[in-house]
């Protein structure tokens, strides 16, 4: 009984504490306004944590609220609104007394706090009347009258915010049509109470019509002489456009090579015969770090544990290019590689990548060596969509059916990507679709041709402040008359941290069973993974992140690999698990643990993955 009583007292105390700090409106609003305006008033006037302690405090609150309410009403077009501010003080109720005529409750406990009230009669909402533009220095030379850019119309509700937005629209339009010095002067606004209208005259100074001159580079960055002109979205002599000038700076920073870039107009002007002036563009670019060394340590019970080290040298010949040298030492891979990226290859919308690598691979699926190189040109059709075409070469030697098989590959590279994710390493919204086609000819021991097709996508949706849903699907197939033509490392496998978690790396694969002698000289049944023609896999995640840097993930993965051209779903492997994310300023650190739902013989009981970035 005592414990129940103590629990009840605690609950009452907690509720009382919550009531004490609960927010309440600073004033009570009584009005005939539409709900939208009433809601706006409540939002603007705000809340207080406690009722007024005195009549004087309530009066100060209501006077201040009345001034704010007057401004809000005018901004919504209610220029004849009547606002009455009141403070109502409630006297103490009759006191209850005991037999000795002593009060049972103090006056302070039964006296209600003074209440601040605003009574508002909105009246008729004013509308826009005449809308004009007055030019300080002559009407600008435009293909269509500037007044056509006024989007507010006579007869619409006279909301002040839309007037300001229209003024900004007019200035922005002029600055994209050759007038960099266009600015708004004090506008003339006349409120006609008799007609219930607001007449507006926008006053604008346009300045001189301007054309782009040459681009002059400043700052600490080393740039090749013609590089700024190559990436510029305008040419010398073009009509000034502030959006294009800002785009020039954005293209410089988009390379990721520089600390920052700003484009501005020079003060000096050159007079032109047509009455315009020409001004050069000053492009200030700050270099940032030229040389960087970075490393990544990863642990996985399946994908390989070890370290990757990368050295980058940026912009060393003035074309914003990046040279990358990398080395990997893992339990299943030892490799060294070089990559070279030119973000603007002779055009602002074209990128060029060269990559070469030599590697020793030792996975559950195959063991051998590989040397490869590729050259890929990417055409950027938009910020989200790009297509790449290129050529690749590879020489390899992998064990197949107990023998070393050599392959010499020449392949075409075709790739298309549509990506509107908000972040590559930690996406929260958007989706990504990627497809590739790689026609290949093998000049090695198993000569012949084959073509690899792949298609995959992922999507992300924030469903609340703390939860994100993420999904991924992928499929691929290999077209070939003789599957032996396809080297072991080019076949399809599933399993691992970026595939089906819970299964070891590349362990989801068709198998070839055979009989072999063990160390004791006994015949035993064994198998090897031989890879497949067709791959289907997918993942689903729910991601939670609260206020702090720690987040949590629950996931289910699935995948199947088949030797048939048209894979069925009769041998799908499922993995499930959960993970922890530590969110840093650049990417989350990931730790996942997963178990196979339907393992086969030889599969481990669980897998652990630690790396940088989300799983997909």
Foldseek 3Di string as FASTA:
>chain_A
DVVVVVVVVVVVVVVVVCLQQDWDQLAAEAEPDPPVLVVVLSVQLDTDRHFDPAQVRNVVSQVVSQVVNQVSLVLQQQPVKDKDKDKAFFAFDDFDADPVRHGPDDSVVRGDGIHIYIYMYRPDGAWAAAEEEAEPPDADDDPDHLVVLQPGDTPHGNRNVSVVVSQVSSQLVLQQQQQVPKDWDDKDWDQDPVRSHIYIYTYMYRPFREWEAAEDEAEDAAADPCQLVQQQPDDGGHTGGVVSQVVSQVLVVVLVFFPGKDKDWDPDWDADPVRGIYTYIYIYTYGPDQKDKDKWFKDKPFPWGWMKIKIWGACPPRQRKIKIWMFTDTPFKGKIKIKIKRCADSHNFKIKMKIWMWMFGHHQAKGWIKTKIKIKMKGHPDPFKIKIKIKMWMWIWIADPNDTWIWTKIKIKIKIKGWDFPADQEGAFTKIKMKIKIWMFTPTPLTDIKMKIKIKMKGKYDPDPWKIKIKIKMKMFMDGPDPVRQDQVRADFAEDLLFAFQWHPRPQADKDWDWDQDPVRDIDIDIHGRGAGMKIKMKIKMKGDDDAQKIKMWMKIKMHGHNDRDDDDPDIKMKIWMWMWGDDPRWIWIWIKMHTPDDDPPTDGIMIITTTGDSD
